[in-house]
Amino acid sequence: MTANKSHYLVSIPTQSPMKELWIRVLSLLGMAHWVVISTGAPRCTYYFGPFARRSSAEKAQLGYLEDLRGEGAQDIQVTVKQCKPARLTIFDEAEELMPILSP
């Protein structure tokens, strides 16, 4: 008796070199689109991107939201904007260090 083996093909989408270059240029100019997600608990701001088009960022935001909800994040707010973030994750350390004094 032979075992029936299934073969899975995993397709990882890759961008063309021109598209990667274009996104890099947009990022340098602060014109790339980013999904910005702020959470109240924990108090963090996350930047996901960059994206060449707003519509691409809007499509991708659902996956990011699902991941954060799965990790227990609460009070989630989402925006898509053109920016040039200095940091991709901003954690409110003051709240962690002194929770009594935080609002």
N, C-alpha and C. Protein backbone atom coordinates (compact mmCIF):
# COMPACT_ATOMS: atom_id res chain seq x y z
N MET A 1 0.84 -1.16 0.00
CA MET A 1 0.00 0.00 0.00
C MET A 1 0.90 1.24 0.00
N THR A 2 0.64 2.14 -0.89
CA THR A 2 1.46 3.35 -0.98
C THR A 2 0.69 4.52 -0.38
N ALA A 3 1.43 5.37 0.24
CA ALA A 3 0.83 6.56 0.85
C ALA A 3 0.59 7.61 -0.23
N ASN A 4 -0.53 8.25 -0.14
CA ASN A 4 -0.86 9.33 -1.07
C ASN A 4 -0.30 10.63 -0.50
N LYS A 5 0.69 11.15 -1.16
CA LYS A 5 1.34 12.37 -0.68
C LYS A 5 0.81 13.56 -1.46
N SER A 6 0.47 14.58 -0.75
CA SER A 6 0.04 15.82 -1.39
C SER A 6 1.23 16.75 -1.52
N HIS A 7 1.27 17.46 -2.59
CA HIS A 7 2.33 18.44 -2.81
C HIS A 7 1.70 19.82 -2.79
N TYR A 8 2.32 20.70 -2.05
CA TYR A 8 1.81 22.06 -1.94
C TYR A 8 2.81 23.01 -2.58
N LEU A 9 2.28 23.91 -3.36
CA LEU A 9 3.10 24.93 -3.97
C LEU A 9 2.81 26.23 -3.25
N VAL A 10 3.80 26.79 -2.63
CA VAL A 10 3.63 28.05 -1.92
C VAL A 10 4.12 29.15 -2.83
N SER A 11 3.25 30.10 -3.08
CA SER A 11 3.60 31.22 -3.94
C SER A 11 3.78 32.46 -3.07
N ILE A 12 4.97 32.98 -3.06
CA ILE A 12 5.25 34.21 -2.32
C ILE A 12 5.31 35.33 -3.35
N PRO A 13 4.38 36.28 -3.22
CA PRO A 13 4.38 37.36 -4.20
C PRO A 13 5.64 38.21 -4.08
N THR A 14 6.25 38.46 -5.19
CA THR A 14 7.42 39.32 -5.20
C THR A 14 7.12 40.50 -6.11
N GLN A 15 7.77 41.59 -5.84
CA GLN A 15 7.56 42.78 -6.63
C GLN A 15 8.66 42.88 -7.67
N SER A 16 8.32 43.49 -8.77
CA SER A 16 9.33 43.69 -9.80
C SER A 16 10.37 44.69 -9.29
N PRO A 17 11.57 44.61 -9.83
CA PRO A 17 12.61 45.56 -9.41
C PRO A 17 12.19 47.02 -9.62
N MET A 18 11.44 47.29 -10.68
CA MET A 18 10.99 48.66 -10.94
C MET A 18 10.00 49.12 -9.88
N LYS A 19 9.10 48.22 -9.48
CA LYS A 19 8.12 48.58 -8.45
C LYS A 19 8.82 48.82 -7.12
N GLU A 20 9.78 47.97 -6.79
CA GLU A 20 10.54 48.16 -5.56
C GLU A 20 11.27 49.50 -5.57
N LEU A 21 11.86 49.85 -6.71
CA LEU A 21 12.55 51.13 -6.84
C LEU A 21 11.57 52.28 -6.67
N TRP A 22 10.40 52.17 -7.29
CA TRP A 22 9.39 53.22 -7.20
C TRP A 22 8.93 53.42 -5.74
N ILE A 23 8.70 52.32 -5.04
CA ILE A 23 8.29 52.41 -3.63
C ILE A 23 9.41 53.04 -2.80
N ARG A 24 10.64 52.71 -3.11
CA ARG A 24 11.78 53.28 -2.39
C ARG A 24 11.85 54.80 -2.60
N VAL A 25 11.63 55.23 -3.84
CA VAL A 25 11.63 56.67 -4.14
C VAL A 25 10.50 57.37 -3.40
N LEU A 26 9.30 56.78 -3.46
CA LEU A 26 8.16 57.36 -2.74
C LEU A 26 8.45 57.46 -1.24
N SER A 27 9.08 56.44 -0.70
CA SER A 27 9.41 56.42 0.73
C SER A 27 10.39 57.54 1.07
N LEU A 28 11.40 57.70 0.26
CA LEU A 28 12.40 58.75 0.51
C LEU A 28 11.77 60.14 0.48
N LEU A 29 10.78 60.32 -0.38
CA LEU A 29 10.11 61.61 -0.51
C LEU A 29 8.98 61.80 0.49
N GLY A 30 8.68 60.77 1.26
CA GLY A 30 7.57 60.85 2.21
C GLY A 30 6.21 60.74 1.55
N MET A 31 6.18 60.17 0.35
CA MET A 31 4.93 60.06 -0.41
C MET A 31 4.37 58.65 -0.46
N ALA A 32 5.04 57.71 0.16
CA ALA A 32 4.53 56.34 0.21
C ALA A 32 3.36 56.28 1.19
N HIS A 33 2.47 55.34 0.96
CA HIS A 33 1.31 55.15 1.83
C HIS A 33 1.66 54.14 2.91
N TRP A 34 1.19 54.42 4.11
CA TRP A 34 1.43 53.56 5.26
C TRP A 34 0.12 53.30 5.98
N VAL A 35 -0.04 52.09 6.49
CA VAL A 35 -1.15 51.77 7.37
C VAL A 35 -0.66 52.11 8.78
N VAL A 36 -1.37 53.02 9.44
CA VAL A 36 -0.99 53.44 10.79
C VAL A 36 -2.06 52.91 11.74
N ILE A 37 -1.65 52.05 12.65
CA ILE A 37 -2.58 51.46 13.61
C ILE A 37 -2.16 51.85 15.01
N SER A 38 -3.09 52.49 15.72
CA SER A 38 -2.87 52.87 17.12
C SER A 38 -3.72 51.98 18.00
N THR A 39 -3.15 51.52 19.08
CA THR A 39 -3.89 50.69 20.03
C THR A 39 -3.87 51.36 21.40
N GLY A 40 -4.98 51.23 22.12
CA GLY A 40 -5.06 51.80 23.46
C GLY A 40 -4.49 50.88 24.51
N ALA A 41 -4.58 49.60 24.26
CA ALA A 41 -4.05 48.60 25.21
C ALA A 41 -3.46 47.45 24.42
N PRO A 42 -2.16 47.32 24.32
CA PRO A 42 -1.15 48.22 24.87
C PRO A 42 -1.13 49.53 24.09
N ARG A 43 -0.63 50.59 24.70
CA ARG A 43 -0.60 51.90 24.05
C ARG A 43 0.58 51.93 23.07
N CYS A 44 0.28 51.64 21.81
CA CYS A 44 1.32 51.57 20.77
C CYS A 44 0.80 52.17 19.48
N THR A 45 1.73 52.56 18.62
CA THR A 45 1.43 52.96 17.25
C THR A 45 2.33 52.14 16.35
N TYR A 46 1.70 51.50 15.36
CA TYR A 46 2.42 50.64 14.43
C TYR A 46 2.30 51.22 13.02
N TYR A 47 3.39 51.21 12.27
CA TYR A 47 3.40 51.63 10.87
C TYR A 47 3.68 50.41 10.01
N PHE A 48 2.78 50.13 9.08
CA PHE A 48 2.94 49.00 8.16
C PHE A 48 3.02 49.56 6.75
N GLY A 49 4.04 49.16 6.01
CA GLY A 49 4.19 49.64 4.64
C GLY A 49 5.63 49.48 4.23
N PRO A 50 6.06 50.21 3.26
CA PRO A 50 5.34 51.21 2.48
C PRO A 50 4.58 50.60 1.32
N PHE A 51 3.61 51.36 0.82
CA PHE A 51 2.82 50.96 -0.33
C PHE A 51 2.84 52.08 -1.36
N ALA A 52 2.85 51.71 -2.63
CA ALA A 52 2.84 52.71 -3.70
C ALA A 52 1.46 53.34 -3.84
N ARG A 53 0.42 52.57 -3.58
CA ARG A 53 -0.96 53.07 -3.74
C ARG A 53 -1.75 52.95 -2.45
N ARG A 54 -2.62 53.90 -2.24
CA ARG A 54 -3.50 53.89 -1.07
C ARG A 54 -4.35 52.62 -1.06
N SER A 55 -4.84 52.23 -2.23
CA SER A 55 -5.71 51.05 -2.31
C SER A 55 -4.97 49.79 -1.86
N SER A 56 -3.70 49.69 -2.15
CA SER A 56 -2.91 48.53 -1.71
C SER A 56 -2.78 48.51 -0.19
N ALA A 57 -2.57 49.68 0.39
CA ALA A 57 -2.47 49.77 1.85
C ALA A 57 -3.80 49.41 2.50
N GLU A 58 -4.90 49.88 1.92
CA GLU A 58 -6.22 49.59 2.48
C GLU A 58 -6.54 48.10 2.43
N LYS A 59 -6.13 47.44 1.37
CA LYS A 59 -6.34 45.98 1.28
C LYS A 59 -5.52 45.24 2.32
N ALA A 60 -4.31 45.69 2.55
CA ALA A 60 -3.40 45.01 3.48
C ALA A 60 -3.78 45.22 4.94
N GLN A 61 -4.50 46.29 5.24
CA GLN A 61 -4.78 46.62 6.65
C GLN A 61 -5.59 45.54 7.36
N LEU A 62 -6.42 44.82 6.65
CA LEU A 62 -7.24 43.78 7.28
C LEU A 62 -6.38 42.70 7.94
N GLY A 63 -5.32 42.30 7.27
CA GLY A 63 -4.43 41.29 7.84
C GLY A 63 -3.71 41.79 9.08
N TYR A 64 -3.29 43.06 9.06
CA TYR A 64 -2.62 43.63 10.22
C TYR A 64 -3.58 43.71 11.41
N LEU A 65 -4.82 44.13 11.13
CA LEU A 65 -5.83 44.21 12.19
C LEU A 65 -6.10 42.85 12.81
N GLU A 66 -6.22 41.86 11.96
CA GLU A 66 -6.49 40.50 12.43
C GLU A 66 -5.36 40.02 13.35
N ASP A 67 -4.13 40.28 12.96
CA ASP A 67 -2.98 39.87 13.78
C ASP A 67 -2.99 40.56 15.14
N LEU A 68 -3.24 41.88 15.15
CA LEU A 68 -3.23 42.61 16.41
C LEU A 68 -4.38 42.19 17.32
N ARG A 69 -5.55 41.96 16.74
CA ARG A 69 -6.68 41.47 17.55
C ARG A 69 -6.36 40.10 18.13
N GLY A 70 -5.70 39.26 17.34
CA GLY A 70 -5.30 37.94 17.82
C GLY A 70 -4.32 38.00 18.97
N GLU A 71 -3.53 39.08 19.02
CA GLU A 71 -2.57 39.28 20.11
C GLU A 71 -3.20 39.97 21.32
N GLY A 72 -4.50 40.28 21.21
CA GLY A 72 -5.20 40.88 22.35
C GLY A 72 -5.21 42.39 22.40
N ALA A 73 -4.80 43.06 21.32
CA ALA A 73 -4.81 44.53 21.31
C ALA A 73 -6.25 45.04 21.41
N GLN A 74 -6.42 46.18 22.08
CA GLN A 74 -7.75 46.77 22.27
C GLN A 74 -7.72 48.24 21.88
N ASP A 75 -8.93 48.80 21.69
CA ASP A 75 -9.08 50.22 21.32
C ASP A 75 -8.24 50.53 20.07
N ILE A 76 -8.52 49.83 18.99
CA ILE A 76 -7.72 49.92 17.77
C ILE A 76 -8.29 50.98 16.84
N GLN A 77 -7.42 51.86 16.35
CA GLN A 77 -7.77 52.87 15.37
C GLN A 77 -6.83 52.73 14.18
N VAL A 78 -7.40 52.84 12.97
CA VAL A 78 -6.61 52.63 11.76
C VAL A 78 -6.75 53.83 10.83
N THR A 79 -5.63 54.25 10.27
CA THR A 79 -5.63 55.26 9.22
C THR A 79 -4.62 54.83 8.16
N VAL A 80 -4.83 55.33 6.96
CA VAL A 80 -3.86 55.15 5.89
C VAL A 80 -3.43 56.55 5.50
N LYS A 81 -2.12 56.79 5.53
CA LYS A 81 -1.65 58.12 5.18
C LYS A 81 -0.29 58.07 4.52
N GLN A 82 0.02 59.16 3.84
CA GLN A 82 1.33 59.31 3.24
C GLN A 82 2.23 59.95 4.29
N CYS A 83 3.33 59.30 4.56
CA CYS A 83 4.25 59.82 5.57
C CYS A 83 5.61 59.16 5.41
N LYS A 84 6.49 59.54 6.30
CA LYS A 84 7.84 58.97 6.33
C LYS A 84 8.17 58.68 7.79
N PRO A 85 7.68 57.54 8.30
CA PRO A 85 7.86 57.27 9.73
C PRO A 85 9.33 57.07 10.10
N ALA A 86 9.70 57.65 11.23
CA ALA A 86 11.07 57.50 11.72
C ALA A 86 11.24 56.14 12.38
N ARG A 87 10.16 55.65 13.01
CA ARG A 87 10.17 54.33 13.67
C ARG A 87 8.91 53.59 13.26
N LEU A 88 8.99 52.28 13.15
CA LEU A 88 7.84 51.49 12.72
C LEU A 88 6.93 51.10 13.87
N THR A 89 7.46 51.07 15.08
CA THR A 89 6.65 50.77 16.26
C THR A 89 7.00 51.77 17.35
N ILE A 90 5.97 52.42 17.87
CA ILE A 90 6.15 53.39 18.94
C ILE A 90 5.38 52.87 20.14
N PHE A 91 6.10 52.56 21.20
CA PHE A 91 5.52 51.99 22.41
C PHE A 91 5.56 53.04 23.51
N ASP A 92 4.43 53.29 24.15
CA ASP A 92 4.37 54.27 25.24
C ASP A 92 5.00 53.67 26.48
N GLU A 93 6.29 53.90 26.63
CA GLU A 93 7.04 53.33 27.74
C GLU A 93 6.67 53.94 29.08
N ALA A 94 6.21 55.18 29.08
CA ALA A 94 5.83 55.84 30.33
C ALA A 94 4.69 55.08 31.00
N GLU A 95 3.75 54.59 30.21
CA GLU A 95 2.63 53.83 30.76
C GLU A 95 3.13 52.54 31.41
N GLU A 96 4.10 51.92 30.79
CA GLU A 96 4.64 50.67 31.31
C GLU A 96 5.44 50.90 32.60
N LEU A 97 6.17 52.02 32.64
CA LEU A 97 7.01 52.30 33.79
C LEU A 97 6.22 52.83 34.99
N MET A 98 5.20 53.65 34.71
CA MET A 98 4.42 54.26 35.79
C MET A 98 2.93 54.18 35.46
N PRO A 99 2.33 53.02 35.54
CA PRO A 99 0.93 52.87 35.14
C PRO A 99 -0.04 53.69 35.98
N ILE A 100 0.31 54.04 37.20
CA ILE A 100 -0.59 54.80 38.06
C ILE A 100 -0.74 56.23 37.55
N LEU A 101 0.32 56.80 36.96
CA LEU A 101 0.29 58.17 36.49
C LEU A 101 -0.25 58.31 35.08
N SER A 102 -0.39 57.22 34.35
CA SER A 102 -0.88 57.28 32.98
C SER A 102 -2.39 57.45 32.98
N PRO A 103 -2.92 58.19 31.97
CA PRO A 103 -4.38 58.39 31.91
C PRO A 103 -5.12 57.11 31.63
